[in-house]
Amino acid sequence: MAIARRPNGNRTPAPPAAQERAAEAFIQGAAKAAVAEPEAGGRKTPIMLRFDAALLRRVDSAAKRRGISRSAWIAFKVSEALDAEEA
């Protein structure tokens, strides 16, 4: 990979007030994106779960037996439980 000069390297930095406005606009845009609902069939939403270490080992073992990822196994089992509850 070649090293190239930074574009507009001689440009003077924006005044602090302009930098502050730009940062605030960026943060506001991120907040709006965070609450947007995912589209059907769109990208998956990452979440954080906490498991006891022993339970996580069991989940990993079950996922490995099926040849799928931990995340796929958890999603599969949640889907199964929800389907059974609806029946």
N, C-alpha and C. Protein backbone atom coordinates (compact mmCIF):
# COMPACT_ATOMS: atom_id res chain seq x y z
N MET A 1 0.84 -1.16 0.00
CA MET A 1 0.00 0.00 0.00
C MET A 1 0.89 1.23 0.00
N ALA A 2 0.65 2.10 -0.92
CA ALA A 2 1.45 3.31 -1.03
C ALA A 2 0.98 4.36 -0.03
N ILE A 3 1.91 5.13 0.44
CA ILE A 3 1.58 6.22 1.35
C ILE A 3 1.37 7.47 0.52
N ALA A 4 0.24 8.10 0.70
CA ALA A 4 -0.09 9.29 -0.08
C ALA A 4 -0.23 10.48 0.85
N ARG A 5 -0.07 11.65 0.28
CA ARG A 5 -0.27 12.87 1.05
C ARG A 5 -1.71 13.03 1.47
N ARG A 6 -1.89 13.63 2.56
CA ARG A 6 -3.23 13.93 3.05
C ARG A 6 -3.85 14.99 2.14
N PRO A 7 -5.08 14.79 1.69
CA PRO A 7 -5.70 15.78 0.83
C PRO A 7 -5.87 17.11 1.56
N ASN A 8 -5.66 18.19 0.85
CA ASN A 8 -5.81 19.53 1.42
C ASN A 8 -5.01 19.69 2.71
N GLY A 9 -3.81 19.19 2.70
CA GLY A 9 -2.97 19.22 3.89
C GLY A 9 -2.64 20.61 4.40
N ASN A 10 -2.70 21.61 3.55
CA ASN A 10 -2.37 22.97 3.96
C ASN A 10 -3.59 23.74 4.44
N ARG A 11 -4.72 23.10 4.50
CA ARG A 11 -5.96 23.78 4.89
C ARG A 11 -5.92 24.14 6.38
N THR A 12 -6.41 25.31 6.71
CA THR A 12 -6.44 25.72 8.12
C THR A 12 -7.63 25.06 8.79
N PRO A 13 -7.49 24.69 10.05
CA PRO A 13 -8.59 24.02 10.74
C PRO A 13 -9.77 24.97 10.93
N ALA A 14 -10.96 24.38 11.03
CA ALA A 14 -12.18 25.17 11.24
C ALA A 14 -12.13 25.80 12.63
N PRO A 15 -12.76 26.95 12.79
CA PRO A 15 -12.79 27.58 14.11
C PRO A 15 -13.50 26.67 15.11
N PRO A 16 -13.16 26.80 16.39
CA PRO A 16 -13.76 25.92 17.41
C PRO A 16 -15.28 25.91 17.39
N ALA A 17 -15.93 27.04 17.14
CA ALA A 17 -17.39 27.08 17.13
C ALA A 17 -17.93 26.21 15.99
N ALA A 18 -17.29 26.25 14.83
CA ALA A 18 -17.73 25.44 13.69
C ALA A 18 -17.50 23.96 13.98
N GLN A 19 -16.38 23.63 14.62
CA GLN A 19 -16.11 22.25 15.00
C GLN A 19 -17.16 21.75 15.98
N GLU A 20 -17.54 22.60 16.92
CA GLU A 20 -18.55 22.24 17.92
C GLU A 20 -19.90 21.98 17.25
N ARG A 21 -20.30 22.84 16.29
CA ARG A 21 -21.56 22.65 15.58
C ARG A 21 -21.53 21.35 14.76
N ALA A 22 -20.41 21.10 14.12
CA ALA A 22 -20.29 19.88 13.32
C ALA A 22 -20.38 18.64 14.21
N ALA A 23 -19.74 18.68 15.36
CA ALA A 23 -19.79 17.55 16.29
C ALA A 23 -21.20 17.34 16.80
N GLU A 24 -21.89 18.42 17.14
CA GLU A 24 -23.27 18.31 17.64
C GLU A 24 -24.20 17.75 16.57
N ALA A 25 -24.03 18.18 15.31
CA ALA A 25 -24.85 17.65 14.23
C ALA A 25 -24.60 16.16 14.04
N PHE A 26 -23.35 15.75 14.15
CA PHE A 26 -23.00 14.34 14.03
C PHE A 26 -23.66 13.52 15.13
N ILE A 27 -23.59 14.00 16.36
CA ILE A 27 -24.17 13.29 17.50
C ILE A 27 -25.69 13.20 17.35
N GLN A 28 -26.34 14.27 16.93
CA GLN A 28 -27.79 14.25 16.75
C GLN A 28 -28.19 13.25 15.67
N GLY A 29 -27.42 13.18 14.61
CA GLY A 29 -27.71 12.22 13.55
C GLY A 29 -27.57 10.79 14.04
N ALA A 30 -26.59 10.54 14.89
CA ALA A 30 -26.38 9.19 15.43
C ALA A 30 -27.54 8.81 16.34
N ALA A 31 -28.04 9.75 17.12
CA ALA A 31 -29.16 9.46 18.02
C ALA A 31 -30.39 9.07 17.22
N LYS A 32 -30.63 9.73 16.10
CA LYS A 32 -31.79 9.41 15.26
C LYS A 32 -31.64 8.02 14.65
N ALA A 33 -30.44 7.67 14.23
CA ALA A 33 -30.20 6.36 13.63
C ALA A 33 -30.36 5.26 14.65
N ALA A 34 -30.04 5.53 15.91
CA ALA A 34 -30.10 4.50 16.94
C ALA A 34 -31.53 4.09 17.24
N VAL A 35 -32.50 4.97 17.07
CA VAL A 35 -33.88 4.64 17.39
C VAL A 35 -34.68 4.19 16.16
N ALA A 36 -34.07 4.18 15.01
CA ALA A 36 -34.77 3.77 13.80
C ALA A 36 -35.10 2.29 13.87
N GLU A 37 -36.29 1.94 13.43
CA GLU A 37 -36.73 0.55 13.40
C GLU A 37 -36.09 -0.17 12.22
N PRO A 38 -35.60 -1.39 12.41
CA PRO A 38 -35.03 -2.12 11.28
C PRO A 38 -36.14 -2.54 10.32
N GLU A 39 -35.82 -2.57 9.04
CA GLU A 39 -36.79 -2.98 8.03
C GLU A 39 -36.92 -4.50 8.05
N ALA A 40 -38.08 -4.98 7.66
CA ALA A 40 -38.29 -6.43 7.57
C ALA A 40 -37.30 -7.00 6.57
N GLY A 41 -36.61 -8.05 6.96
CA GLY A 41 -35.63 -8.67 6.08
C GLY A 41 -34.34 -7.89 5.97
N GLY A 42 -34.22 -6.83 6.77
CA GLY A 42 -33.02 -5.99 6.73
C GLY A 42 -31.93 -6.56 7.61
N ARG A 43 -31.03 -5.69 7.98
CA ARG A 43 -29.90 -6.11 8.79
C ARG A 43 -30.36 -6.50 10.18
N LYS A 44 -29.59 -7.35 10.80
CA LYS A 44 -29.90 -7.80 12.16
C LYS A 44 -29.42 -6.76 13.15
N THR A 45 -30.08 -6.69 14.27
CA THR A 45 -29.76 -5.72 15.30
C THR A 45 -28.87 -6.38 16.36
N PRO A 46 -27.69 -5.84 16.58
CA PRO A 46 -26.83 -6.42 17.62
C PRO A 46 -27.38 -6.11 19.00
N ILE A 47 -27.27 -7.09 19.90
CA ILE A 47 -27.69 -6.92 21.29
C ILE A 47 -26.60 -7.48 22.20
N MET A 48 -26.69 -7.18 23.47
CA MET A 48 -25.75 -7.75 24.43
C MET A 48 -26.51 -8.62 25.41
N LEU A 49 -26.05 -9.84 25.59
CA LEU A 49 -26.61 -10.77 26.57
C LEU A 49 -25.52 -11.18 27.54
N ARG A 50 -25.91 -11.46 28.75
CA ARG A 50 -24.96 -11.95 29.75
C ARG A 50 -25.39 -13.35 30.17
N PHE A 51 -24.45 -14.29 30.12
CA PHE A 51 -24.73 -15.67 30.49
C PHE A 51 -23.76 -16.10 31.58
N ASP A 52 -24.23 -16.98 32.43
CA ASP A 52 -23.35 -17.67 33.37
C ASP A 52 -22.35 -18.48 32.54
N ALA A 53 -21.11 -18.57 33.01
CA ALA A 53 -20.06 -19.24 32.23
C ALA A 53 -20.41 -20.68 31.90
N ALA A 54 -21.01 -21.40 32.85
CA ALA A 54 -21.36 -22.80 32.61
C ALA A 54 -22.45 -22.91 31.54
N LEU A 55 -23.45 -22.02 31.60
CA LEU A 55 -24.52 -22.04 30.61
C LEU A 55 -23.97 -21.69 29.22
N LEU A 56 -23.06 -20.75 29.17
CA LEU A 56 -22.47 -20.36 27.89
C LEU A 56 -21.69 -21.51 27.27
N ARG A 57 -20.99 -22.29 28.11
CA ARG A 57 -20.29 -23.47 27.59
C ARG A 57 -21.27 -24.47 26.99
N ARG A 58 -22.43 -24.62 27.64
CA ARG A 58 -23.46 -25.53 27.11
C ARG A 58 -24.02 -25.02 25.79
N VAL A 59 -24.24 -23.71 25.70
CA VAL A 59 -24.73 -23.10 24.46
C VAL A 59 -23.70 -23.33 23.35
N ASP A 60 -22.43 -23.07 23.65
CA ASP A 60 -21.38 -23.26 22.65
C ASP A 60 -21.30 -24.71 22.19
N SER A 61 -21.46 -25.63 23.11
CA SER A 61 -21.40 -27.05 22.78
C SER A 61 -22.58 -27.43 21.88
N ALA A 62 -23.76 -26.95 22.20
CA ALA A 62 -24.94 -27.25 21.38
C ALA A 62 -24.80 -26.65 19.98
N ALA A 63 -24.28 -25.43 19.90
CA ALA A 63 -24.09 -24.79 18.61
C ALA A 63 -23.06 -25.55 17.78
N LYS A 64 -22.01 -26.00 18.43
CA LYS A 64 -20.96 -26.75 17.73
C LYS A 64 -21.51 -28.06 17.18
N ARG A 65 -22.35 -28.74 17.96
CA ARG A 65 -22.94 -30.00 17.49
C ARG A 65 -23.78 -29.78 16.23
N ARG A 66 -24.44 -28.65 16.13
CA ARG A 66 -25.26 -28.33 14.96
C ARG A 66 -24.43 -27.73 13.83
N GLY A 67 -23.20 -27.32 14.14
CA GLY A 67 -22.34 -26.72 13.13
C GLY A 67 -22.73 -25.29 12.80
N ILE A 68 -23.25 -24.57 13.79
CA ILE A 68 -23.66 -23.18 13.59
C ILE A 68 -23.01 -22.31 14.65
N SER A 69 -23.11 -21.01 14.47
CA SER A 69 -22.53 -20.08 15.44
C SER A 69 -23.38 -20.01 16.71
N ARG A 70 -22.79 -19.50 17.74
CA ARG A 70 -23.49 -19.28 19.00
C ARG A 70 -24.71 -18.40 18.77
N SER A 71 -24.52 -17.32 18.03
CA SER A 71 -25.60 -16.38 17.76
C SER A 71 -26.74 -17.05 16.99
N ALA A 72 -26.39 -17.84 15.99
CA ALA A 72 -27.41 -18.53 15.20
C ALA A 72 -28.18 -19.53 16.07
N TRP A 73 -27.48 -20.23 16.95
CA TRP A 73 -28.14 -21.20 17.82
C TRP A 73 -29.11 -20.51 18.77
N ILE A 74 -28.69 -19.39 19.35
CA ILE A 74 -29.56 -18.66 20.28
C ILE A 74 -30.79 -18.15 19.53
N ALA A 75 -30.59 -17.58 18.34
CA ALA A 75 -31.73 -17.08 17.56
C ALA A 75 -32.68 -18.23 17.20
N PHE A 76 -32.12 -19.38 16.85
CA PHE A 76 -32.93 -20.55 16.50
C PHE A 76 -33.77 -20.98 17.69
N LYS A 77 -33.18 -21.08 18.85
CA LYS A 77 -33.89 -21.54 20.05
C LYS A 77 -34.94 -20.53 20.51
N VAL A 78 -34.65 -19.25 20.39
CA VAL A 78 -35.63 -18.23 20.74
C VAL A 78 -36.81 -18.33 19.78
N SER A 79 -36.54 -18.51 18.50
CA SER A 79 -37.59 -18.66 17.50
C SER A 79 -38.44 -19.88 17.80
N GLU A 80 -37.80 -21.00 18.14
CA GLU A 80 -38.54 -22.22 18.50
C GLU A 80 -39.45 -21.97 19.70
N ALA A 81 -38.92 -21.30 20.72
CA ALA A 81 -39.72 -21.04 21.93
C ALA A 81 -40.91 -20.13 21.62
N LEU A 82 -40.70 -19.13 20.80
CA LEU A 82 -41.80 -18.22 20.45
C LEU A 82 -42.85 -18.95 19.60
N ASP A 83 -42.41 -19.79 18.68
CA ASP A 83 -43.36 -20.57 17.86
C ASP A 83 -44.18 -21.50 18.73
N ALA A 84 -43.56 -22.16 19.70
CA ALA A 84 -44.25 -23.08 20.59
C ALA A 84 -45.25 -22.33 21.47
N GLU A 85 -44.88 -21.12 21.87
CA GLU A 85 -45.77 -20.32 22.70
C GLU A 85 -47.01 -19.87 21.94
N GLU A 86 -46.85 -19.62 20.64
CA GLU A 86 -47.97 -19.16 19.81
C GLU A 86 -48.91 -20.31 19.43
N ALA A 87 -48.42 -21.54 19.46
CA ALA A 87 -49.23 -22.69 19.04
C ALA A 87 -50.26 -23.08 20.08
